[in-house]
Protein backbone atom coordinates (compact mmCIF):
# COMPACT_ATOMS: atom_id res chain seq x y z
CA MET A 1 0.00 0.00 0.00
CA GLU A 2 2.89 2.36 0.70
CA LYS A 3 4.07 1.99 -2.88
CA LYS A 4 0.63 3.04 -4.11
CA PRO A 5 -0.63 5.51 -1.52
CA TRP A 6 -3.44 6.65 -3.82
CA LEU A 7 -5.29 3.35 -3.35
CA SER A 8 -6.17 4.41 0.21
CA GLN A 9 -7.92 7.44 -1.32
CA TYR A 10 -10.23 5.32 -3.51
CA PRO A 11 -13.92 5.38 -2.51
CA PRO A 12 -15.38 1.87 -1.98
CA GLU A 13 -17.35 2.12 -5.25
CA ILE A 14 -14.21 2.19 -7.42
CA PRO A 15 -12.42 -1.18 -7.73
CA LYS A 16 -8.64 -1.13 -7.34
CA THR A 17 -8.26 -3.74 -10.07
CA LEU A 18 -10.44 -4.65 -13.04
CA GLN A 19 -11.29 -7.85 -14.86
CA LEU A 20 -10.94 -7.19 -18.60
CA GLU A 21 -12.93 -9.20 -21.11
CA GLU A 22 -10.51 -10.48 -23.73
CA LYS A 23 -12.47 -9.51 -26.82
CA PRO A 24 -11.99 -6.95 -29.59
CA VAL A 25 -13.28 -3.39 -29.40
CA HIS A 26 -15.98 -4.07 -32.03
CA ALA A 27 -17.40 -6.99 -30.02
CA TYR A 28 -19.02 -4.38 -27.78
CA LEU A 29 -21.03 -3.05 -30.72
CA THR A 30 -22.22 -6.60 -31.43
CA GLU A 31 -23.41 -6.85 -27.81
CA ALA A 32 -25.02 -3.39 -27.89
CA ALA A 33 -26.95 -4.33 -31.03
CA ARG A 34 -28.25 -7.39 -29.20
CA ASN A 35 -29.02 -5.70 -25.85
CA TYR A 36 -30.11 -2.25 -27.09
CA ALA A 37 -31.23 -2.98 -30.67
CA GLU A 38 -33.88 -0.28 -30.99
CA LYS A 39 -32.28 2.18 -28.58
CA THR A 40 -30.82 5.37 -30.05
CA ALA A 41 -27.07 5.04 -30.47
CA ILE A 42 -26.45 8.32 -32.29
CA HIS A 43 -28.23 11.65 -32.40
CA PHE A 44 -26.75 13.89 -35.08
CA MET A 45 -28.16 17.27 -36.05
CA GLY A 46 -31.76 16.06 -35.83
CA LYS A 47 -31.26 12.53 -37.19
CA GLU A 48 -31.09 9.40 -35.05
CA LEU A 49 -29.72 5.91 -35.64
CA THR A 50 -30.37 2.88 -33.45
CA TYR A 51 -27.70 0.47 -32.27
CA LYS A 52 -29.09 -2.12 -34.69
CA GLU A 53 -28.71 0.32 -37.61
CA VAL A 54 -25.15 1.27 -36.66
CA TYR A 55 -24.21 -2.40 -36.25
CA GLU A 56 -25.68 -3.49 -39.58
CA SER A 57 -24.14 -0.56 -41.44
CA SER A 58 -20.74 -1.34 -39.90
CA LEU A 59 -21.00 -4.99 -40.97
CA LYS A 60 -21.91 -3.97 -44.54
CA LEU A 61 -18.91 -1.67 -44.71
CA ALA A 62 -16.69 -4.45 -43.36
CA SER A 63 -17.93 -6.84 -46.07
CA TYR A 64 -17.25 -4.24 -48.74
CA LEU A 65 -13.76 -3.52 -47.42
CA ARG A 66 -12.93 -7.22 -47.62
CA LYS A 67 -14.37 -7.28 -51.15
CA ILE A 68 -11.96 -4.56 -52.30
CA GLY A 69 -9.02 -6.43 -50.83
CA ILE A 70 -8.64 -5.18 -47.23
CA THR A 71 -7.34 -7.98 -45.02
CA LYS A 72 -6.32 -8.39 -41.40
CA GLY A 73 -3.65 -5.91 -40.34
CA ASP A 74 -4.16 -3.52 -43.28
CA ARG A 75 -4.44 0.15 -42.37
CA VAL A 76 -7.56 2.11 -43.33
CA ALA A 77 -7.75 5.85 -42.61
CA ILE A 78 -10.75 7.88 -41.48
CA MET A 79 -10.74 11.58 -42.36
CA LEU A 80 -14.13 12.69 -41.03
CA PRO A 81 -15.61 15.04 -38.45
CA ASN A 82 -17.88 13.47 -35.80
CA GLY A 83 -21.07 12.07 -37.27
CA PRO A 84 -22.82 8.77 -38.02
CA GLN A 85 -20.35 8.07 -40.84
CA SER A 86 -17.34 8.33 -38.52
CA VAL A 87 -18.86 5.79 -36.09
CA ILE A 88 -19.84 3.36 -38.87
CA SER A 89 -16.42 3.73 -40.49
CA TYR A 90 -14.57 3.09 -37.23
CA TYR A 91 -16.40 -0.12 -36.39
CA GLY A 92 -16.60 -1.25 -40.04
CA ILE A 93 -12.80 -1.13 -40.32
CA LEU A 94 -12.40 -3.11 -37.08
CA TYR A 95 -14.97 -5.72 -38.16
CA ALA A 96 -12.91 -6.17 -41.34
CA GLY A 97 -9.90 -7.00 -39.16
CA ALA A 98 -8.08 -3.87 -40.26
CA ILE A 99 -6.36 -1.13 -38.25
CA VAL A 100 -7.92 2.34 -37.99
CA VAL A 101 -5.73 5.36 -38.81
CA GLN A 102 -7.48 8.47 -37.50
CA THR A 103 -6.76 11.56 -39.59
CA ASN A 104 -7.62 15.18 -38.86
CA PRO A 105 -9.97 16.62 -41.54
CA LEU A 106 -8.08 19.92 -41.14
CA TYR A 107 -4.87 18.41 -42.50
CA THR A 108 -3.35 20.01 -45.55
CA GLU A 109 -2.24 17.91 -48.50
CA ARG A 110 1.33 17.89 -47.21
CA GLU A 111 0.36 16.72 -43.70
CA LEU A 112 -1.98 14.05 -45.03
CA GLU A 113 0.65 12.76 -47.44
CA TYR A 114 3.14 12.29 -44.61
CA GLN A 115 0.65 10.34 -42.49
CA MET A 116 -0.56 8.11 -45.32
CA GLU A 117 3.00 7.39 -46.41
CA ASP A 118 4.12 6.59 -42.86
CA SER A 119 1.14 4.37 -42.01
CA GLY A 120 1.00 2.63 -45.39
CA ALA A 121 -2.80 3.02 -45.41
CA LYS A 122 -4.45 1.23 -48.34
CA ALA A 123 -7.80 3.00 -48.18
CA ILE A 124 -9.36 6.14 -46.71
CA ILE A 125 -12.92 7.14 -45.85
CA THR A 126 -13.53 10.86 -46.22
CA LEU A 127 -15.99 13.68 -47.00
CA ASP A 128 -16.87 14.68 -50.54
CA ILE A 129 -15.56 18.20 -49.95
CA LEU A 130 -12.17 16.74 -49.02
CA PHE A 131 -12.07 14.44 -52.06
CA PRO A 132 -9.91 16.72 -54.27
CA ARG A 133 -7.26 16.99 -51.55
CA VAL A 134 -7.29 13.24 -50.90
CA THR A 135 -7.01 12.26 -54.58
CA LYS A 136 -3.81 14.31 -54.93
CA VAL A 137 -2.33 12.47 -51.94
CA ALA A 138 -3.49 9.06 -53.19
CA ALA A 139 -1.44 9.54 -56.36
CA LYS A 140 1.73 9.88 -54.26
CA THR A 141 1.11 7.20 -51.60
CA SER A 142 -0.07 3.61 -51.11
CA LEU A 143 -3.71 4.77 -50.89
CA ASN A 144 -5.60 2.69 -53.44
CA ASP A 145 -9.27 3.12 -52.53
CA ILE A 146 -11.16 6.26 -51.51
CA ILE A 147 -14.58 5.82 -49.92
CA VAL A 148 -16.54 9.06 -49.99
CA THR A 149 -19.51 10.16 -47.95
CA ALA A 150 -21.42 13.28 -48.94
CA VAL A 151 -22.14 16.06 -46.47
CA LYS A 152 -25.80 15.87 -47.52
CA ASP A 153 -26.07 12.16 -46.64
CA TYR A 154 -27.07 13.08 -43.11
CA LEU A 155 -29.16 16.22 -43.20
CA PRO A 156 -29.41 18.76 -41.79
CA PHE A 157 -25.70 19.63 -41.81
CA PRO A 158 -25.43 23.45 -41.57
CA LYS A 159 -22.81 25.15 -43.72
CA ASN A 160 -21.12 26.67 -40.68
CA MET A 161 -20.36 23.11 -39.60
CA VAL A 162 -18.72 22.32 -42.95
CA TYR A 163 -16.41 25.28 -43.49
CA PRO A 164 -13.65 24.29 -41.03
CA PHE A 165 -12.89 21.19 -43.07
CA ILE A 166 -12.14 22.91 -46.37
CA GLN A 167 -9.21 25.13 -47.27
CA LYS A 168 -11.23 28.23 -48.15
CA LYS A 169 -14.68 29.43 -47.24
CA GLN A 170 -16.89 28.87 -50.23
CA THR A 171 -20.56 28.51 -50.90
CA GLY A 172 -22.36 26.13 -53.17
CA ILE A 173 -19.79 23.36 -52.63
CA VAL A 174 -20.30 20.69 -55.30
CA VAL A 175 -17.86 17.80 -55.58
CA LYS A 176 -18.93 15.09 -58.00
CA VAL A 177 -17.61 11.63 -57.19
CA GLU A 178 -18.50 8.60 -59.31
CA HIS A 179 -18.81 5.12 -57.79
CA ASN A 180 -16.32 3.31 -60.01
CA GLY A 181 -12.77 2.05 -60.08
CA ASN A 182 -11.04 3.02 -56.86
CA HIS A 183 -13.64 5.59 -55.84
CA HIS A 184 -16.59 4.37 -53.80
CA LEU A 185 -19.66 6.04 -52.31
CA LEU A 186 -20.48 5.07 -48.72
CA LYS A 187 -24.20 5.69 -49.25
CA LYS A 188 -24.20 3.25 -52.19
CA ILE A 189 -22.15 0.70 -50.23
CA LEU A 190 -24.63 0.71 -47.35
CA ALA A 191 -27.63 0.56 -49.68
CA GLU A 192 -26.40 -2.27 -51.92
CA THR A 193 -24.12 -4.50 -49.83
CA GLU A 194 -25.79 -7.59 -48.41
CA LEU A 195 -25.74 -7.99 -44.64
CA GLU A 196 -23.44 -10.81 -43.54
CA PRO A 197 -22.81 -11.96 -39.96
CA ALA A 198 -19.69 -10.65 -38.24
CA GLN A 199 -16.70 -12.86 -39.06
CA LYS A 200 -14.84 -14.30 -36.10
CA ASP A 201 -11.08 -14.03 -36.14
CA SER A 202 -9.87 -17.38 -34.88
CA ALA A 203 -6.36 -16.00 -34.48
CA PHE A 204 -7.40 -12.90 -32.53
CA ASP A 205 -4.73 -11.76 -30.06
CA PHE A 206 -6.22 -9.40 -27.43
CA GLU A 207 -2.79 -8.46 -26.13
CA ASN A 208 -1.03 -7.74 -29.41
CA ASP A 209 -3.49 -7.14 -32.27
CA LEU A 210 -3.58 -3.46 -33.20
CA ALA A 211 -6.90 -1.64 -33.36
CA LEU A 212 -5.52 1.82 -33.98
CA LEU A 213 -2.60 3.89 -35.23
CA GLN A 214 -3.03 7.25 -33.52
CA TYR A 215 -0.55 9.89 -34.60
CA THR A 216 1.29 12.05 -32.10
CA GLY A 217 4.74 13.55 -31.98
CA GLY A 218 7.32 15.73 -30.29
CA THR A 219 9.95 18.31 -30.91
CA THR A 220 12.45 15.83 -32.28
CA GLY A 221 10.59 15.00 -35.46
CA PHE A 222 7.32 14.51 -37.27
CA PRO A 223 4.24 12.86 -35.74
CA LYS A 224 4.66 9.19 -34.83
CA GLY A 225 2.07 6.43 -35.16
CA VAL A 226 1.17 5.22 -31.66
CA MET A 227 0.29 1.50 -31.82
CA LEU A 228 -2.76 0.91 -29.63
CA THR A 229 -4.03 -2.64 -29.26
CA HIS A 230 -7.57 -3.85 -28.63
CA LYS A 231 -6.49 -4.48 -25.03
CA ASN A 232 -5.21 -0.91 -24.64
CA LEU A 233 -8.51 0.63 -25.76
CA VAL A 234 -10.79 -1.82 -23.94
CA ALA A 235 -8.76 -1.33 -20.74
CA ASN A 236 -8.95 2.47 -20.82
CA ALA A 237 -12.68 2.55 -21.58
CA THR A 238 -13.29 0.01 -18.78
CA MET A 239 -11.27 2.20 -16.38
CA CYS A 240 -13.31 5.23 -17.43
CA ASP A 241 -16.53 3.34 -16.72
CA ALA A 242 -15.24 2.33 -13.26
CA TRP A 243 -14.31 5.96 -12.48
CA LEU A 244 -17.82 7.14 -13.41
CA TYR A 245 -19.39 4.68 -10.98
CA LYS A 246 -22.69 6.54 -10.68
CA ALA A 247 -23.33 6.29 -14.44
CA LYS A 248 -26.21 3.94 -15.29
CA LYS A 249 -25.60 1.33 -18.00
CA GLY A 250 -27.81 2.00 -21.03
CA ASP A 251 -29.20 5.27 -19.63
CA GLU A 252 -26.60 8.03 -20.00
CA VAL A 253 -26.46 10.58 -22.81
CA VAL A 254 -22.92 11.56 -23.87
CA LEU A 255 -22.15 14.84 -25.61
CA GLY A 256 -19.67 13.93 -28.35
CA LEU A 257 -17.96 17.21 -29.05
CA LEU A 258 -14.37 15.98 -28.74
CA PRO A 259 -13.32 14.79 -32.21
CA PHE A 260 -12.83 11.06 -32.66
CA PHE A 261 -9.49 11.77 -34.35
CA HIS A 262 -8.41 12.85 -30.86
CA VAL A 263 -7.76 9.73 -28.77
CA TYR A 264 -9.63 11.10 -25.73
CA GLY A 265 -12.80 11.65 -27.79
CA MET A 266 -12.45 8.16 -29.21
CA THR A 267 -12.12 6.46 -25.81
CA ALA A 268 -14.38 8.58 -23.60
CA VAL A 269 -17.16 9.10 -26.15
CA LEU A 270 -17.08 6.53 -28.94
CA ILE A 271 -15.82 3.34 -27.24
CA LEU A 272 -17.27 3.97 -23.76
CA SER A 273 -20.72 4.82 -25.16
CA VAL A 274 -20.91 1.66 -27.25
CA MET A 275 -19.52 -0.44 -24.39
CA GLN A 276 -22.22 0.83 -22.01
CA GLY A 277 -25.12 1.33 -24.44
CA TYR A 278 -25.19 5.11 -24.05
CA LYS A 279 -26.73 7.56 -26.50
CA MET A 280 -24.13 9.70 -28.27
CA VAL A 281 -25.14 13.24 -29.20
CA LEU A 282 -22.56 14.15 -31.83
CA LEU A 283 -21.48 17.55 -33.11
CA PRO A 284 -18.97 17.88 -35.98
CA LYS A 285 -17.26 20.95 -34.52
CA PHE A 286 -17.42 23.22 -31.50
CA ASP A 287 -19.76 26.13 -32.01
CA THR A 288 -20.81 27.89 -28.80
CA VAL A 289 -24.46 28.60 -29.62
CA THR A 290 -25.04 25.21 -31.28
CA THR A 291 -23.51 23.47 -28.26
CA LEU A 292 -25.63 25.43 -25.76
CA LYS A 293 -28.82 24.73 -27.74
CA THR A 294 -27.90 21.05 -28.06
CA ILE A 295 -27.32 20.68 -24.31
CA GLN A 296 -30.66 22.33 -23.55
CA LYS A 297 -32.58 20.18 -26.04
CA GLN A 298 -30.82 16.80 -25.91
CA ARG A 299 -30.08 16.82 -22.16
CA PRO A 300 -26.65 15.12 -22.10
CA THR A 301 -25.50 13.79 -18.71
CA LEU A 302 -21.82 13.11 -19.50
CA PHE A 303 -19.69 15.77 -21.18
CA PRO A 304 -16.01 14.83 -21.74
CA GLY A 305 -14.19 17.93 -22.96
CA ALA A 306 -11.17 20.19 -22.96
CA PRO A 307 -10.65 23.49 -21.10
CA THR A 308 -11.05 25.50 -24.33
CA ILE A 309 -14.57 24.12 -24.79
CA TYR A 310 -15.68 24.89 -21.23
CA ILE A 311 -14.12 28.37 -21.40
CA GLY A 312 -15.86 29.06 -24.72
CA LEU A 313 -19.25 28.20 -23.22
CA LEU A 314 -18.67 30.19 -20.03
CA ASN A 315 -17.66 33.27 -22.01
CA HIS A 316 -20.87 33.33 -24.03
CA PRO A 317 -22.86 36.39 -22.86
CA ASP A 318 -26.20 34.54 -22.90
CA ILE A 319 -25.15 31.33 -21.14
CA GLN A 320 -27.61 32.01 -18.30
CA LYS A 321 -30.49 31.80 -20.80
CA TYR A 322 -29.80 28.10 -21.42
CA ASP A 323 -30.73 25.17 -19.19
CA LEU A 324 -27.55 23.15 -18.70
CA SER A 325 -28.73 21.31 -15.59
CA SER A 326 -28.75 17.87 -17.25
CA ILE A 327 -24.93 17.71 -17.09
CA ASP A 328 -23.89 15.43 -14.27
CA SER A 329 -20.18 14.81 -14.81
CA CYS A 330 -17.33 15.98 -17.00
CA ILE A 331 -13.69 14.90 -17.12
CA SER A 332 -11.51 17.53 -18.74
CA GLY A 333 -8.44 16.47 -20.67
CA SER A 334 -5.90 17.68 -23.27
CA ALA A 335 -4.61 20.66 -21.26
CA PRO A 336 -4.48 21.98 -17.67
CA LEU A 337 -7.90 22.96 -16.30
CA PRO A 338 -7.91 26.37 -14.57
CA VAL A 339 -9.53 26.20 -11.11
CA ASP A 340 -11.66 29.27 -11.90
CA VAL A 341 -13.10 27.53 -14.99
CA GLN A 342 -13.89 24.41 -12.97
CA GLN A 343 -15.73 26.38 -10.28
CA ARG A 344 -17.69 28.57 -12.69
CA PHE A 345 -18.76 25.63 -14.86
CA GLU A 346 -19.94 23.62 -11.86
CA LYS A 347 -21.96 26.61 -10.64
CA VAL A 348 -23.65 27.07 -14.05
CA THR A 349 -24.46 23.36 -14.61
CA GLY A 350 -24.79 21.96 -11.11
CA GLY A 351 -22.65 19.03 -12.30
CA LYS A 352 -19.08 18.00 -11.55
CA LEU A 353 -16.06 18.98 -13.66
CA VAL A 354 -12.71 17.40 -12.81
CA GLU A 355 -9.28 17.39 -14.41
CA GLY A 356 -7.74 14.26 -15.86
CA TYR A 357 -4.34 13.51 -17.32
CA GLY A 358 -3.00 11.25 -20.00
CA LEU A 359 -1.30 11.04 -23.35
CA THR A 360 -1.89 9.38 -26.69
CA GLU A 361 0.62 6.68 -25.75
CA SER A 362 -1.68 5.57 -22.91
CA SER A 363 -5.00 5.45 -24.77
CA PRO A 364 -5.04 8.21 -23.24
CA VAL A 365 -6.06 8.50 -19.55
CA THR A 366 -3.79 7.53 -16.65
CA HIS A 367 -4.83 9.90 -13.82
CA ALA A 368 -7.91 11.87 -12.82
CA ASN A 369 -9.48 13.54 -9.84
CA PHE A 370 -12.44 11.75 -8.29
CA VAL A 371 -15.72 13.03 -9.73
CA TRP A 372 -17.91 12.66 -6.64
CA ASP A 373 -15.29 12.20 -3.93
CA LYS A 374 -12.20 14.04 -2.63
CA ARG A 375 -10.69 16.48 -5.13
CA VAL A 376 -7.39 18.32 -4.73
CA LYS A 377 -7.01 21.77 -6.25
CA GLY A 378 -4.22 22.01 -8.83
CA SER A 379 -3.72 18.25 -8.96
CA ILE A 380 -4.26 15.94 -11.95
CA GLY A 381 -5.62 13.42 -9.43
CA VAL A 382 -4.58 9.84 -8.79
CA PRO A 383 -3.82 6.88 -11.09
CA TRP A 384 -6.78 4.94 -12.47
CA PRO A 385 -7.43 1.28 -11.52
CA ASP A 386 -4.62 -1.11 -12.57
CA THR A 387 -2.45 1.91 -13.37
CA ASP A 388 0.88 2.43 -11.61
CA SER A 389 2.67 5.78 -11.62
CA ALA A 390 5.91 7.12 -10.22
CA ILE A 391 8.18 10.15 -10.32
CA LEU A 392 11.57 9.20 -11.74
CA SER A 393 14.84 11.04 -11.28
CA LEU A 394 16.04 12.72 -14.47
CA GLU A 395 19.63 11.85 -13.54
CA THR A 396 19.41 8.24 -12.30
CA GLY A 397 15.95 7.00 -13.30
CA ASP A 398 15.30 5.99 -9.66
CA ILE A 399 11.86 6.40 -8.11
CA LEU A 400 11.74 9.61 -6.08
CA SER A 401 10.05 10.27 -2.75
CA PRO A 402 6.84 12.30 -2.32
CA GLY A 403 7.38 16.01 -2.96
CA GLU A 404 10.44 15.53 -5.18
CA ILE A 405 10.20 16.74 -8.79
CA GLY A 406 11.09 14.39 -11.63
CA GLU A 407 9.59 12.82 -14.73
CA ILE A 408 6.11 11.33 -14.46
CA ALA A 409 6.12 7.67 -15.53
CA VAL A 410 3.18 5.28 -15.87
CA LYS A 411 2.49 1.55 -16.25
CA GLY A 412 -0.75 -0.19 -17.09
CA PRO A 413 -2.76 -2.20 -19.61
CA GLN A 414 -3.60 1.02 -21.48
CA VAL A 415 0.05 1.76 -22.37
CA MET A 416 0.88 1.46 -26.08
CA LYS A 417 2.73 -1.36 -27.77
CA GLY A 418 5.16 1.19 -29.22
CA TYR A 419 5.64 3.59 -32.13
CA TRP A 420 4.89 2.33 -35.64
CA ASN A 421 8.15 1.38 -37.40
CA ARG A 422 10.22 3.33 -34.85
CA PRO A 423 11.93 0.82 -32.51
CA GLU A 424 14.62 3.27 -31.38
CA GLU A 425 12.10 5.96 -30.39
CA THR A 426 9.98 3.27 -28.70
CA GLU A 427 12.98 2.26 -26.57
CA GLN A 428 13.49 5.89 -25.52
CA VAL A 429 10.04 6.13 -23.89
CA LEU A 430 9.33 2.53 -22.80
CA LYS A 431 11.93 1.65 -20.18
CA ASP A 432 11.78 -1.17 -17.63
CA GLY A 433 8.03 -1.38 -18.11
CA TRP A 434 7.51 2.34 -17.55
CA LEU A 435 6.15 4.80 -20.11
CA LEU A 436 8.12 8.02 -19.73
CA THR A 437 5.66 10.86 -20.25
CA GLY A 438 8.11 13.72 -20.78
CA ASP A 439 6.19 15.73 -18.18
CA LEU A 440 7.79 16.93 -14.96
CA GLY A 441 5.84 16.69 -11.74
CA TYR A 442 5.64 15.34 -8.22
CA MET A 443 3.43 13.18 -6.01
CA ASP A 444 2.26 14.18 -2.54
CA GLU A 445 2.07 11.91 0.52
CA GLU A 446 -1.50 10.83 -0.27
CA GLY A 447 -0.71 9.81 -3.85
CA TYR A 448 -2.08 12.84 -5.70
CA PHE A 449 0.03 13.89 -8.69
CA TYR A 450 0.89 17.38 -9.94
CA VAL A 451 2.36 18.52 -13.29
CA VAL A 452 4.82 21.40 -12.97
CA ASP A 453 6.29 21.64 -16.48
CA ARG A 454 6.83 19.79 -19.74
CA LYS A 455 10.15 18.21 -20.51
CA LYS A 456 9.17 18.31 -24.14
CA ASP A 457 8.66 21.56 -25.98
CA MET A 458 5.41 20.42 -27.54
CA ILE A 459 2.75 23.12 -27.57
CA ILE A 460 -0.82 22.30 -26.50
CA ALA A 461 -3.17 24.96 -27.86
CA GLY A 462 -6.90 24.48 -27.40
CA GLY A 463 -6.32 20.76 -26.75
CA TYR A 464 -4.36 20.25 -29.99
CA ASN A 465 -0.77 19.03 -29.97
CA ILE A 466 1.53 21.23 -32.04
CA TYR A 467 5.09 20.24 -32.78
CA PRO A 468 7.41 23.27 -33.07
CA ARG A 469 9.82 21.68 -35.51
CA GLU A 470 7.04 21.05 -38.03
CA VAL A 471 6.04 24.74 -37.97
CA GLU A 472 9.67 25.87 -38.02
CA GLU A 473 10.42 23.81 -41.11
CA ILE A 474 7.63 25.56 -43.01
CA LEU A 475 8.91 28.99 -41.91
CA TYR A 476 12.41 28.05 -43.06
CA GLU A 477 10.99 27.35 -46.53
CA HIS A 478 10.10 31.04 -46.95
CA PRO A 479 12.84 32.66 -49.07
CA ASP A 480 13.15 35.69 -46.74
CA VAL A 481 13.53 33.76 -43.48
CA GLN A 482 17.03 33.21 -42.14
CA GLU A 483 16.22 31.70 -38.76
CA ALA A 484 13.00 30.74 -37.01
CA VAL A 485 12.03 29.15 -33.73
CA VAL A 486 8.54 28.42 -32.47
CA ALA A 487 7.39 28.22 -28.85
CA GLY A 488 4.20 28.05 -26.85
CA VAL A 489 3.30 31.20 -24.93
CA PRO A 490 0.50 31.59 -22.34
CA ASP A 491 -2.96 32.29 -23.75
CA PRO A 492 -6.04 32.82 -21.56
CA TYR A 493 -8.33 30.98 -23.98
CA ARG A 494 -6.25 28.30 -25.74
CA GLY A 495 -4.00 27.59 -22.73
CA GLU A 496 -1.03 28.19 -24.99
CA THR A 497 -0.70 29.75 -28.40
CA VAL A 498 1.97 29.50 -31.07
CA LYS A 499 4.56 32.27 -31.23
CA ALA A 500 7.24 32.46 -33.93
CA TYR A 501 10.53 34.27 -33.39
CA VAL A 502 11.95 35.15 -36.80
CA VAL A 503 15.27 36.53 -38.08
CA LEU A 504 14.99 37.78 -41.66
CA LYS A 505 17.68 37.66 -44.29
CA GLU A 506 19.55 40.88 -44.98
CA ASN A 507 17.44 43.51 -46.77
CA ALA A 508 14.32 41.28 -46.57
CA THR A 509 11.06 43.06 -45.75
CA VAL A 510 8.51 40.26 -45.36
CA THR A 511 5.60 41.15 -43.05
CA GLU A 512 3.65 39.21 -40.44
CA ASP A 513 0.64 39.03 -42.81
CA GLU A 514 2.80 37.62 -45.59
CA LEU A 515 4.22 34.91 -43.32
CA ASN A 516 0.72 34.13 -42.12
CA THR A 517 -0.49 33.67 -45.70
CA PHE A 518 2.54 31.50 -46.50
CA THR A 519 2.15 29.13 -43.53
CA ARG A 520 -1.58 28.67 -44.17
CA LYS A 521 -0.72 26.91 -47.43
CA TYR A 522 1.05 24.09 -45.61
CA LEU A 523 -0.31 23.87 -42.06
CA ALA A 524 -3.67 23.22 -40.44
CA ALA A 525 -5.15 26.41 -38.98
CA TYR A 526 -4.51 25.48 -35.34
CA LYS A 527 -0.75 25.13 -35.99
CA ILE A 528 -0.26 28.55 -37.55
CA PRO A 529 1.63 31.10 -35.41
CA ARG A 530 -0.74 33.65 -33.85
CA ILE A 531 2.11 35.96 -32.81
CA TYR A 532 5.31 36.90 -34.67
CA GLU A 533 8.33 38.62 -33.20
CA PHE A 534 11.04 39.79 -35.60
CA ARG A 535 14.53 39.83 -34.09
CA LYS A 536 18.04 40.64 -35.28
CA GLU A 537 19.35 37.48 -33.61
CA LEU A 538 18.17 34.56 -31.47
CA PRO A 539 19.72 33.23 -28.24
CA LYS A 540 22.03 30.26 -28.95
CA THR A 541 24.36 27.84 -27.26
CA ALA A 542 28.11 27.86 -27.88
CA VAL A 543 27.61 25.39 -30.72
CA GLY A 544 24.88 27.48 -32.34
CA LYS A 545 21.75 25.64 -31.15
CA ILE A 546 18.82 28.02 -30.72
CA LEU A 547 17.69 28.18 -27.08
CA ARG A 548 13.93 27.82 -27.27
CA ARG A 549 13.62 27.54 -23.50
CA THR A 550 15.31 30.94 -23.06
CA LEU A 551 12.62 32.53 -25.21
CA VAL A 552 9.89 30.75 -23.23
CA GLU A 553 11.39 32.03 -19.97
CA GLU A 554 11.56 35.57 -21.36
CA GLU A 555 7.88 35.32 -22.24
CA ARG A 556 6.97 34.04 -18.76
CA ASN A 557 8.94 36.84 -17.08
CA LYS A 558 7.23 39.37 -19.30
CA GLN A 559 3.83 37.88 -18.41
CA GLN A 560 4.61 37.93 -14.68
CA GLY A 561 5.74 41.55 -14.95
CA GLN A 562 2.44 42.48 -16.57
CA ASP A 563 0.51 40.63 -13.85
CA GLU A 564 2.42 42.49 -11.14
CA ILE A 565 1.68 45.85 -12.77
CA VAL A 566 -2.02 44.96 -12.89
């Protein structure tokens, strides 16, 4: 017990260890279709689908995928916002025995090409408005088949919900896609494919078979494919269910605002809901008014989210006009949750909002505060059931005592198998059974953990991971840029925002607007620097390495100085 002091903090309702059922992620949809056949599985912009309908559509898609040559272990990408199609695609790929590769619909051609090339995906399921972008990438990668779903397939789908997923705002979007050759229409597939029973995989390996390649990254390179097995995902969703012990099986309504291409949205909304027979109320993007209206009308009880989402709702001037009292519990992830936001949101809804912690490499959750029991201000909480955590010395790797700062490390059934085709980078983060998180923190005497800083320089803005090197490389491609370094600086809304420090070539006169226009050609909107600072030189080491941390410290000192003046 001394080694895991947090277990003494557990309320009696939360088990300290869990019994996992050794079956694939999609087996839970099979069960839900049997136990909750006519119950609503998905509510989407006024349309509803039952668990039976989602199950049968997923099986039809699986049959079609096998027909076009997808076999066990093949990678199939999904490039969709949240909606019925994204759920059907996810489970259809798994029923086919393939591995899901989640792809952000905001990705530019360049970003998508990298991910498809790295994953070796053979097929992709996407929106009609993204089809032109995807076809260009398919010509350069192993992508052979493109399955397209039209925006209009699930009406109503307001235009303001579509715009974020195309490069430019435009009206009257018409993209004609024929169902022939390597191009396929999802609507036609579901209408014409005969329903066949789910095929059992006699060689299924719960421990080692991959369900998902989820891309993440760091400052040392491009995004890496995190290999998550069926066991990883089932374990984390089962832990989440145990943590939310007051939730009633088959009765809860989950607001699915977190995108499924974000691992937290996938686990806490998609997998958990199907596992427990919950109704998912899905929204394809965060829009404050739409979200407030949806909460009032659809009465969700569970609302997994990120601080940016809760802040956006709280800052709406008319929030008091909406009835948000249905919300019972929320676990916030992706970024630190300000205490003020937690308190204000709980006052407005009457529900509980607690901070959790995790990373893509752990499916993702490892720690959280108790929802209905003791909570500690400023803490990320305690490890989840079957999860071990420790603070390791940066110098020796030894486990440190309570109160000492070191690197947060975790162990558990939710921890990844490794990075796709990157054994050396896998060895750097998986050591002696521990997953090294790259975050610095400490544990108190009772077993509550605290994050104090990030060892990595990754920027988390609005819940999105942004890798400085990727942005820097684009800036370096501009003919007028001599040097560039990117860092995260404090932002009251996004948590952090991207700032670029730029040294121009002699006699160059490029402006902030021009650099902004240039970067937008190659990067998703959330990665683009919001602030530019032009300098004559950048701080460097004796060997010429730019000191990013020095710039971050300067920014913090500047911020503290402003706070003191106020």
